[in-house]
Amino acid sequence: TRQTVSFDSVLDRSLSAPAVRIKTIGRDNTPFKVEH
């Protein structure tokens, strides 16, 4: 199953500045292909 990555913006309190982090590594719910 294909994996997906979603990001989140967080506040780095030591810098009082925004930063980015990985929110989740999830699964794509797109249906599987079926082949004969």
PDB file of all heavy atoms in Angstrom:
ATOM      1  N   THR A   1       0.844  -1.190   0.000  1.00  0.00           N
ATOM      2  CA  THR A   1       0.000   0.000   0.000  1.00  0.00           C
ATOM      3  C   THR A   1       0.881   1.241   0.000  1.00  0.00           C
ATOM      4  O   THR A   1       1.793   1.355   0.823  1.00  0.00           O
ATOM      5  CB  THR A   1      -0.916   0.025   1.241  1.00  0.00           C
ATOM      6  OG1 THR A   1      -1.690  -1.173   1.267  1.00  0.00           O
ATOM      7  CG2 THR A   1      -1.843   1.222   1.209  1.00  0.00           C
ATOM      8  N   ARG A   2       0.601   2.144  -0.919  1.00  0.00           N
ATOM      9  CA  ARG A   2       1.375   3.385  -1.039  1.00  0.00           C
ATOM     10  C   ARG A   2       1.337   4.169   0.272  1.00  0.00           C
ATOM     11  O   ARG A   2       0.298   4.293   0.905  1.00  0.00           O
ATOM     12  CB  ARG A   2       0.788   4.239  -2.157  1.00  0.00           C
ATOM     13  CG  ARG A   2       1.475   5.567  -2.337  1.00  0.00           C
ATOM     14  CD  ARG A   2       0.839   6.349  -3.493  1.00  0.00           C
ATOM     15  NE  ARG A   2       1.557   7.570  -3.702  1.00  0.00           N
ATOM     16  CZ  ARG A   2       1.158   8.762  -3.256  1.00  0.00           C
ATOM     17  NH1 ARG A   2       0.022   8.878  -2.594  1.00  0.00           N
ATOM     18  NH2 ARG A   2       1.877   9.838  -3.474  1.00  0.00           N
ATOM     19  N   GLN A   3       2.503   4.695   0.662  1.00  0.00           N
ATOM     20  CA  GLN A   3       2.590   5.515   1.865  1.00  0.00           C
ATOM     21  C   GLN A   3       2.546   6.991   1.486  1.00  0.00           C
ATOM     22  O   GLN A   3       2.975   7.377   0.406  1.00  0.00           O
ATOM     23  CB  GLN A   3       3.903   5.236   2.606  1.00  0.00           C
ATOM     24  CG  GLN A   3       4.004   3.826   3.130  1.00  0.00           C
ATOM     25  CD  GLN A   3       5.313   3.622   3.871  1.00  0.00           C
ATOM     26  OE1 GLN A   3       5.817   4.512   4.533  1.00  0.00           O
ATOM     27  NE2 GLN A   3       5.858   2.433   3.749  1.00  0.00           N
ATOM     28  N   THR A   4       2.010   7.787   2.379  1.00  0.00           N
ATOM     29  CA  THR A   4       1.947   9.234   2.181  1.00  0.00           C
ATOM     30  C   THR A   4       2.574   9.929   3.386  1.00  0.00           C
ATOM     31  O   THR A   4       2.623   9.366   4.481  1.00  0.00           O
ATOM     32  CB  THR A   4       0.496   9.718   2.020  1.00  0.00           C
ATOM     33  OG1 THR A   4      -0.239   9.376   3.202  1.00  0.00           O
ATOM     34  CG2 THR A   4      -0.178   9.093   0.806  1.00  0.00           C
ATOM     35  N   VAL A   5       3.043  11.147   3.164  1.00  0.00           N
ATOM     36  CA  VAL A   5       3.650  11.938   4.234  1.00  0.00           C
ATOM     37  C   VAL A   5       2.856  13.222   4.373  1.00  0.00           C
ATOM     38  O   VAL A   5       2.540  13.875   3.380  1.00  0.00           O
ATOM     39  CB  VAL A   5       5.121  12.282   3.901  1.00  0.00           C
ATOM     40  CG1 VAL A   5       5.730  13.151   4.983  1.00  0.00           C
ATOM     41  CG2 VAL A   5       5.934  11.018   3.711  1.00  0.00           C
ATOM     42  N   SER A   6       2.520  13.586   5.604  1.00  0.00           N
ATOM     43  CA  SER A   6       1.890  14.888   5.838  1.00  0.00           C
ATOM     44  C   SER A   6       2.743  15.666   6.831  1.00  0.00           C
ATOM     45  O   SER A   6       3.335  15.102   7.749  1.00  0.00           O
ATOM     46  CB  SER A   6       0.455  14.730   6.335  1.00  0.00           C
ATOM     47  OG  SER A   6       0.399  13.941   7.479  1.00  0.00           O
ATOM     48  N   PHE A   7       2.807  16.968   6.586  1.00  0.00           N
ATOM     49  CA  PHE A   7       3.650  17.857   7.384  1.00  0.00           C
ATOM     50  C   PHE A   7       2.809  18.684   8.328  1.00  0.00           C
ATOM     51  O   PHE A   7       1.610  18.847   8.142  1.00  0.00           O
ATOM     52  CB  PHE A   7       4.440  18.804   6.465  1.00  0.00           C
ATOM     53  CG  PHE A   7       5.316  18.090   5.484  1.00  0.00           C
ATOM     54  CD1 PHE A   7       4.953  17.988   4.156  1.00  0.00           C
ATOM     55  CD2 PHE A   7       6.509  17.527   5.887  1.00  0.00           C
ATOM     56  CE1 PHE A   7       5.758  17.339   3.246  1.00  0.00           C
ATOM     57  CE2 PHE A   7       7.329  16.870   4.985  1.00  0.00           C
ATOM     58  CZ  PHE A   7       6.945  16.780   3.654  1.00  0.00           C
ATOM     59  N   ASP A   8       3.483  19.229   9.319  1.00  0.00           N
ATOM     60  CA  ASP A   8       2.831  20.105  10.276  1.00  0.00           C
ATOM     61  C   ASP A   8       3.780  21.248  10.593  1.00  0.00           C
ATOM     62  O   ASP A   8       4.993  21.054  10.677  1.00  0.00           O
ATOM     63  CB  ASP A   8       2.500  19.321  11.554  1.00  0.00           C
ATOM     64  CG  ASP A   8       1.507  20.023  12.439  1.00  0.00           C
ATOM     65  OD1 ASP A   8       0.850  20.979  11.971  1.00  0.00           O
ATOM     66  OD2 ASP A   8       1.375  19.611  13.607  1.00  0.00           O
ATOM     67  N   SER A   9       3.232  22.444  10.753  1.00  0.00           N
ATOM     68  CA  SER A   9       4.026  23.591  11.149  1.00  0.00           C
ATOM     69  C   SER A   9       3.958  23.694  12.664  1.00  0.00           C
ATOM     70  O   SER A   9       2.880  23.659  13.248  1.00  0.00           O
ATOM     71  CB  SER A   9       3.466  24.860  10.503  1.00  0.00           C
ATOM     72  OG  SER A   9       4.205  25.976  10.907  1.00  0.00           O
ATOM     73  N   VAL A  10       5.121  23.793  13.280  1.00  0.00           N
ATOM     74  CA  VAL A  10       5.190  23.886  14.737  1.00  0.00           C
ATOM     75  C   VAL A  10       5.999  25.112  15.129  1.00  0.00           C
ATOM     76  O   VAL A  10       6.830  25.595  14.359  1.00  0.00           O
ATOM     77  CB  VAL A  10       5.830  22.618  15.362  1.00  0.00           C
ATOM     78  CG1 VAL A  10       4.960  21.412  15.143  1.00  0.00           C
ATOM     79  CG2 VAL A  10       7.215  22.383  14.827  1.00  0.00           C
ATOM     80  N   LEU A  11       5.772  25.590  16.309  1.00  0.00           N
ATOM     81  CA  LEU A  11       6.516  26.731  16.816  1.00  0.00           C
ATOM     82  C   LEU A  11       7.696  26.219  17.631  1.00  0.00           C
ATOM     83  O   LEU A  11       7.512  25.499  18.610  1.00  0.00           O
ATOM     84  CB  LEU A  11       5.620  27.622  17.683  1.00  0.00           C
ATOM     85  CG  LEU A  11       6.304  28.845  18.292  1.00  0.00           C
ATOM     86  CD1 LEU A  11       6.751  29.808  17.192  1.00  0.00           C
ATOM     87  CD2 LEU A  11       5.382  29.548  19.260  1.00  0.00           C
ATOM     88  N   ASP A  12       8.894  26.582  17.193  1.00  0.00           N
ATOM     89  CA  ASP A  12      10.097  26.265  17.958  1.00  0.00           C
ATOM     90  C   ASP A  12      10.206  27.319  19.046  1.00  0.00           C
ATOM     91  O   ASP A  12      10.566  28.459  18.790  1.00  0.00           O
ATOM     92  CB  ASP A  12      11.317  26.284  17.041  1.00  0.00           C
ATOM     93  CG  ASP A  12      12.576  25.813  17.747  1.00  0.00           C
ATOM     94  OD1 ASP A  12      12.661  25.955  18.990  1.00  0.00           O
ATOM     95  OD2 ASP A  12      13.475  25.311  17.060  1.00  0.00           O
ATOM     96  N   ARG A  13       9.848  26.954  20.258  1.00  0.00           N
ATOM     97  CA  ARG A  13       9.776  27.926  21.354  1.00  0.00           C
ATOM     98  C   ARG A  13      11.139  28.529  21.699  1.00  0.00           C
ATOM     99  O   ARG A  13      11.223  29.669  22.128  1.00  0.00           O
ATOM    100  CB  ARG A  13       9.146  27.284  22.575  1.00  0.00           C
ATOM    101  CG  ARG A  13       7.697  26.885  22.317  1.00  0.00           C
ATOM    102  CD  ARG A  13       6.953  26.623  23.605  1.00  0.00           C
ATOM    103  NE  ARG A  13       5.648  26.050  23.372  1.00  0.00           N
ATOM    104  CZ  ARG A  13       4.592  26.715  22.957  1.00  0.00           C
ATOM    105  NH1 ARG A  13       4.679  27.980  22.683  1.00  0.00           N
ATOM    106  NH2 ARG A  13       3.428  26.114  22.789  1.00  0.00           N
ATOM    107  N   SER A  14      12.208  27.776  21.505  1.00  0.00           N
ATOM    108  CA  SER A  14      13.530  28.320  21.815  1.00  0.00           C
ATOM    109  C   SER A  14      13.928  29.433  20.845  1.00  0.00           C
ATOM    110  O   SER A  14      14.713  30.301  21.179  1.00  0.00           O
ATOM    111  CB  SER A  14      14.580  27.214  21.804  1.00  0.00           C
ATOM    112  OG  SER A  14      14.712  26.680  20.499  1.00  0.00           O
ATOM    113  N   LEU A  15      13.342  29.398  19.637  1.00  0.00           N
ATOM    114  CA  LEU A  15      13.658  30.418  18.636  1.00  0.00           C
ATOM    115  C   LEU A  15      12.526  31.411  18.417  1.00  0.00           C
ATOM    116  O   LEU A  15      12.710  32.423  17.756  1.00  0.00           O
ATOM    117  CB  LEU A  15      13.953  29.747  17.288  1.00  0.00           C
ATOM    118  CG  LEU A  15      15.117  28.779  17.230  1.00  0.00           C
ATOM    119  CD1 LEU A  15      15.144  28.069  15.898  1.00  0.00           C
ATOM    120  CD2 LEU A  15      16.414  29.510  17.468  1.00  0.00           C
ATOM    121  N   SER A  16      11.358  31.084  18.934  1.00  0.00           N
ATOM    122  CA  SER A  16      10.145  31.848  18.628  1.00  0.00           C
ATOM    123  C   SER A  16       9.959  31.965  17.123  1.00  0.00           C
ATOM    124  O   SER A  16       9.633  33.020  16.591  1.00  0.00           O
ATOM    125  CB  SER A  16      10.192  33.237  19.267  1.00  0.00           C
ATOM    126  OG  SER A  16      10.216  33.129  20.666  1.00  0.00           O
ATOM    127  N   ALA A  17      10.185  30.853  16.442  1.00  0.00           N
ATOM    128  CA  ALA A  17      10.090  30.812  14.979  1.00  0.00           C
ATOM    129  C   ALA A  17       9.398  29.520  14.553  1.00  0.00           C
ATOM    130  O   ALA A  17       9.462  28.512  15.261  1.00  0.00           O
ATOM    131  CB  ALA A  17      11.476  30.882  14.368  1.00  0.00           C
ATOM    132  N   PRO A  18       8.750  29.553  13.397  1.00  0.00           N
ATOM    133  CA  PRO A  18       8.082  28.336  12.915  1.00  0.00           C
ATOM    134  C   PRO A  18       9.090  27.322  12.378  1.00  0.00           C
ATOM    135  O   PRO A  18      10.171  27.687  11.916  1.00  0.00           O
ATOM    136  CB  PRO A  18       7.178  28.844  11.799  1.00  0.00           C
ATOM    137  CG  PRO A  18       7.857  30.073  11.300  1.00  0.00           C
ATOM    138  CD  PRO A  18       8.532  30.676  12.489  1.00  0.00           C
ATOM    139  N   ALA A  19       8.730  26.081  12.458  1.00  0.00           N
ATOM    140  CA  ALA A  19       9.533  24.993  11.897  1.00  0.00           C
ATOM    141  C   ALA A  19       8.568  23.971  11.312  1.00  0.00           C
ATOM    142  O   ALA A  19       7.360  24.036  11.555  1.00  0.00           O
ATOM    143  CB  ALA A  19      10.413  24.362  12.969  1.00  0.00           C
ATOM    144  N   VAL A  20       9.098  23.047  10.548  1.00  0.00           N
ATOM    145  CA  VAL A  20       8.262  22.013   9.949  1.00  0.00           C
ATOM    146  C   VAL A  20       8.651  20.669  10.555  1.00  0.00           C
ATOM    147  O   VAL A  20       9.802  20.453  10.936  1.00  0.00           O
ATOM    148  CB  VAL A  20       8.403  21.994   8.405  1.00  0.00           C
ATOM    149  CG1 VAL A  20       9.797  21.596   7.986  1.00  0.00           C
ATOM    150  CG2 VAL A  20       7.375  21.091   7.769  1.00  0.00           C
ATOM    151  N   ARG A  21       7.657  19.807  10.681  1.00  0.00           N
ATOM    152  CA  ARG A  21       7.924  18.444  11.152  1.00  0.00           C
ATOM    153  C   ARG A  21       6.992  17.494  10.439  1.00  0.00           C
ATOM    154  O   ARG A  21       5.992  17.906   9.844  1.00  0.00           O
ATOM    155  CB  ARG A  21       7.756  18.332  12.659  1.00  0.00           C
ATOM    156  CG  ARG A  21       6.326  18.433  13.128  1.00  0.00           C
ATOM    157  CD  ARG A  21       6.223  18.195  14.632  1.00  0.00           C
ATOM    158  NE  ARG A  21       4.899  18.478  15.105  1.00  0.00           N
ATOM    159  CZ  ARG A  21       3.914  17.560  15.213  1.00  0.00           C
ATOM    160  NH1 ARG A  21       4.146  16.329  14.881  1.00  0.00           N
ATOM    161  NH2 ARG A  21       2.728  17.903  15.657  1.00  0.00           N
ATOM    162  N   ILE A  22       7.309  16.219  10.498  1.00  0.00           N
ATOM    163  CA  ILE A  22       6.452  15.194   9.920  1.00  0.00           C
ATOM    164  C   ILE A  22       5.288  14.979  10.869  1.00  0.00           C
ATOM    165  O   ILE A  22       5.484  14.696  12.049  1.00  0.00           O
ATOM    166  CB  ILE A  22       7.220  13.868   9.722  1.00  0.00           C
ATOM    167  CG1 ILE A  22       8.403  14.054   8.786  1.00  0.00           C
ATOM    168  CG2 ILE A  22       6.294  12.774   9.224  1.00  0.00           C
ATOM    169  CD1 ILE A  22       8.046  14.410   7.376  1.00  0.00           C
ATOM    170  N   LYS A  23       4.080  15.167  10.366  1.00  0.00           N
ATOM    171  CA  LYS A  23       2.886  14.946  11.187  1.00  0.00           C
ATOM    172  C   LYS A  23       2.575  13.454  11.227  1.00  0.00           C
ATOM    173  O   LYS A  23       2.452  12.875  12.304  1.00  0.00           O
ATOM    174  CB  LYS A  23       1.712  15.733  10.604  1.00  0.00           C
ATOM    175  CG  LYS A  23       0.455  15.666  11.421  1.00  0.00           C
ATOM    176  CD  LYS A  23      -0.623  16.542  10.812  1.00  0.00           C
ATOM    177  CE  LYS A  23      -1.890  16.520  11.633  1.00  0.00           C
ATOM    178  NZ  LYS A  23      -2.926  17.384  11.035  1.00  0.00           N
ATOM    179  N   THR A  24       2.439  12.850  10.049  1.00  0.00           N
ATOM    180  CA  THR A  24       2.164  11.412   9.979  1.00  0.00           C
ATOM    181  C   THR A  24       2.742  10.820   8.704  1.00  0.00           C
ATOM    182  O   THR A  24       2.907  11.513   7.707  1.00  0.00           O
ATOM    183  CB  THR A  24       0.641  11.095   9.968  1.00  0.00           C
ATOM    184  OG1 THR A  24       0.044  11.744   8.849  1.00  0.00           O
ATOM    185  CG2 THR A  24      -0.035  11.513  11.239  1.00  0.00           C
ATOM    186  N   ILE A  25       3.035   9.547   8.772  1.00  0.00           N
ATOM    187  CA  ILE A  25       3.299   8.750   7.580  1.00  0.00           C
ATOM    188  C   ILE A  25       2.124   7.795   7.512  1.00  0.00           C
ATOM    189  O   ILE A  25       1.985   6.912   8.356  1.00  0.00           O
ATOM    190  CB  ILE A  25       4.637   8.005   7.664  1.00  0.00           C
ATOM    191  CG1 ILE A  25       5.780   9.006   7.740  1.00  0.00           C
ATOM    192  CG2 ILE A  25       4.806   7.077   6.464  1.00  0.00           C
ATOM    193  CD1 ILE A  25       7.144   8.388   7.891  1.00  0.00           C
ATOM    194  N   GLY A  26       1.256   8.052   6.549  1.00  0.00           N
ATOM    195  CA  GLY A  26       0.014   7.298   6.470  1.00  0.00           C
ATOM    196  C   GLY A  26      -0.033   6.371   5.264  1.00  0.00           C
ATOM    197  O   GLY A  26       0.953   6.173   4.561  1.00  0.00           O
ATOM    198  N   ARG A  27      -1.192   5.840   5.045  1.00  0.00           N
ATOM    199  CA  ARG A  27      -1.451   4.928   3.926  1.00  0.00           C
ATOM    200  C   ARG A  27      -2.438   5.573   2.966  1.00  0.00           C
ATOM    201  O   ARG A  27      -3.407   6.207   3.388  1.00  0.00           O
ATOM    202  CB  ARG A  27      -2.052   3.610   4.427  1.00  0.00           C
ATOM    203  CG  ARG A  27      -1.192   2.895   5.438  1.00  0.00           C
ATOM    204  CD  ARG A  27      -0.253   1.985   4.747  1.00  0.00           C
ATOM    205  NE  ARG A  27       0.599   1.297   5.724  1.00  0.00           N
ATOM    206  CZ  ARG A  27       1.766   0.820   5.416  1.00  0.00           C
ATOM    207  NH1 ARG A  27       2.227   0.949   4.207  1.00  0.00           N
ATOM    208  NH2 ARG A  27       2.487   0.211   6.320  1.00  0.00           N
ATOM    209  N   ASP A  28      -2.189   5.409   1.681  1.00  0.00           N
ATOM    210  CA  ASP A  28      -3.081   5.919   0.650  1.00  0.00           C
ATOM    211  C   ASP A  28      -4.278   4.967   0.531  1.00  0.00           C
ATOM    212  O   ASP A  28      -4.098   3.758   0.413  1.00  0.00           O
ATOM    213  CB  ASP A  28      -2.321   5.995  -0.675  1.00  0.00           C
ATOM    214  CG  ASP A  28      -3.105   6.655  -1.786  1.00  0.00           C
ATOM    215  OD1 ASP A  28      -4.316   6.897  -1.615  1.00  0.00           O
ATOM    216  OD2 ASP A  28      -2.503   6.928  -2.840  1.00  0.00           O
ATOM    217  N   ASN A  29      -5.476   5.511   0.559  1.00  0.00           N
ATOM    218  CA  ASN A  29      -6.687   4.681   0.508  1.00  0.00           C
ATOM    219  C   ASN A  29      -7.182   4.432  -0.908  1.00  0.00           C
ATOM    220  O   ASN A  29      -8.272   3.878  -1.088  1.00  0.00           O
ATOM    221  CB  ASN A  29      -7.803   5.326   1.333  1.00  0.00           C
ATOM    222  CG  ASN A  29      -7.487   5.319   2.809  1.00  0.00           C
ATOM    223  OD1 ASN A  29      -6.839   4.401   3.303  1.00  0.00           O
ATOM    224  ND2 ASN A  29      -7.924   6.336   3.513  1.00  0.00           N
ATOM    225  N   THR A  30      -6.411   4.826  -1.916  1.00  0.00           N
ATOM    226  CA  THR A  30      -6.795   4.575  -3.302  1.00  0.00           C
ATOM    227  C   THR A  30      -6.934   3.071  -3.505  1.00  0.00           C
ATOM    228  O   THR A  30      -6.102   2.297  -3.022  1.00  0.00           O
ATOM    229  CB  THR A  30      -5.715   5.126  -4.261  1.00  0.00           C
ATOM    230  OG1 THR A  30      -5.501   6.499  -3.959  1.00  0.00           O
ATOM    231  CG2 THR A  30      -6.123   4.970  -5.705  1.00  0.00           C
ATOM    232  N   PRO A  31      -7.968   2.636  -4.220  1.00  0.00           N
ATOM    233  CA  PRO A  31      -8.144   1.185  -4.427  1.00  0.00           C
ATOM    234  C   PRO A  31      -6.970   0.567  -5.190  1.00  0.00           C
ATOM    235  O   PRO A  31      -6.316   1.230  -5.997  1.00  0.00           O
ATOM    236  CB  PRO A  31      -9.423   1.084  -5.261  1.00  0.00           C
ATOM    237  CG  PRO A  31     -10.028   2.426  -5.276  1.00  0.00           C
ATOM    238  CD  PRO A  31      -9.017   3.412  -4.847  1.00  0.00           C
ATOM    239  N   PHE A  32      -6.736  -0.699  -4.924  1.00  0.00           N
ATOM    240  CA  PHE A  32      -5.693  -1.419  -5.638  1.00  0.00           C
ATOM    241  C   PHE A  32      -6.120  -1.652  -7.080  1.00  0.00           C
ATOM    242  O   PHE A  32      -7.305  -1.779  -7.376  1.00  0.00           O
ATOM    243  CB  PHE A  32      -5.418  -2.776  -4.977  1.00  0.00           C
ATOM    244  CG  PHE A  32      -4.919  -2.668  -3.568  1.00  0.00           C
ATOM    245  CD1 PHE A  32      -5.632  -3.228  -2.526  1.00  0.00           C
ATOM    246  CD2 PHE A  32      -3.734  -2.013  -3.285  1.00  0.00           C
ATOM    247  CE1 PHE A  32      -5.170  -3.138  -1.225  1.00  0.00           C
ATOM    248  CE2 PHE A  32      -3.264  -1.911  -1.988  1.00  0.00           C
ATOM    249  CZ  PHE A  32      -3.991  -2.478  -0.957  1.00  0.00           C
ATOM    250  N   LYS A  33      -5.136  -1.743  -7.957  1.00  0.00           N
ATOM    251  CA  LYS A  33      -5.405  -2.108  -9.342  1.00  0.00           C
ATOM    252  C   LYS A  33      -5.576  -3.621  -9.382  1.00  0.00           C
ATOM    253  O   LYS A  33      -4.922  -4.347  -8.633  1.00  0.00           O
ATOM    254  CB  LYS A  33      -4.247  -1.694 -10.247  1.00  0.00           C
ATOM    255  CG  LYS A  33      -3.948  -0.214 -10.209  1.00  0.00           C
ATOM    256  CD  LYS A  33      -2.627   0.071 -10.912  1.00  0.00           C
ATOM    257  CE  LYS A  33      -2.123   1.433 -10.491  1.00  0.00           C
ATOM    258  NZ  LYS A  33      -0.723   1.626 -10.794  1.00  0.00           N
ATOM    259  N   VAL A  34      -6.456  -4.095 -10.242  1.00  0.00           N
ATOM    260  CA  VAL A  34      -6.662  -5.536 -10.384  1.00  0.00           C
ATOM    261  C   VAL A  34      -6.357  -5.891 -11.834  1.00  0.00           C
ATOM    262  O   VAL A  34      -6.821  -5.237 -12.761  1.00  0.00           O
ATOM    263  CB  VAL A  34      -8.108  -5.944 -10.013  1.00  0.00           C
ATOM    264  CG1 VAL A  34      -8.300  -7.433 -10.217  1.00  0.00           C
ATOM    265  CG2 VAL A  34      -8.415  -5.555  -8.577  1.00  0.00           C
ATOM    266  N   GLU A  35      -5.553  -6.943 -12.008  1.00  0.00           N
ATOM    267  CA  GLU A  35      -5.109  -7.333 -13.344  1.00  0.00           C
ATOM    268  C   GLU A  35      -5.244  -8.842 -13.496  1.00  0.00           C
ATOM    269  O   GLU A  35      -4.991  -9.589 -12.554  1.00  0.00           O
ATOM    270  CB  GLU A  35      -3.650  -6.901 -13.505  1.00  0.00           C
ATOM    271  CG  GLU A  35      -3.065  -7.116 -14.867  1.00  0.00           C
ATOM    272  CD  GLU A  35      -1.641  -6.595 -14.919  1.00  0.00           C
ATOM    273  OE1 GLU A  35      -1.453  -5.368 -14.928  1.00  0.00           O
ATOM    274  OE2 GLU A  35      -0.713  -7.426 -14.929  1.00  0.00           O
ATOM    275  N   HIS A  36      -5.638  -9.261 -14.687  1.00  0.00           N
ATOM    276  CA  HIS A  36      -5.710 -10.692 -14.962  1.00  0.00           C
ATOM    277  C   HIS A  36      -4.327 -11.149 -15.399  1.00  0.00           C
ATOM    278  O   HIS A  36      -3.859 -10.800 -16.475  1.00  0.00           O
ATOM    279  CB  HIS A  36      -6.747 -10.982 -16.049  1.00  0.00           C
ATOM    280  CG  HIS A  36      -7.013 -12.445 -16.216  1.00  0.00           C
ATOM    281  ND1 HIS A  36      -6.365 -13.211 -17.147  1.00  0.00           N
ATOM    282  CD2 HIS A  36      -7.834 -13.284 -15.534  1.00  0.00           C
ATOM    283  CE1 HIS A  36      -6.785 -14.453 -17.052  1.00  0.00           C
ATOM    284  NE2 HIS A  36      -7.672 -14.527 -16.080  1.00  0.00           N
TER     285      HIS A  36
END
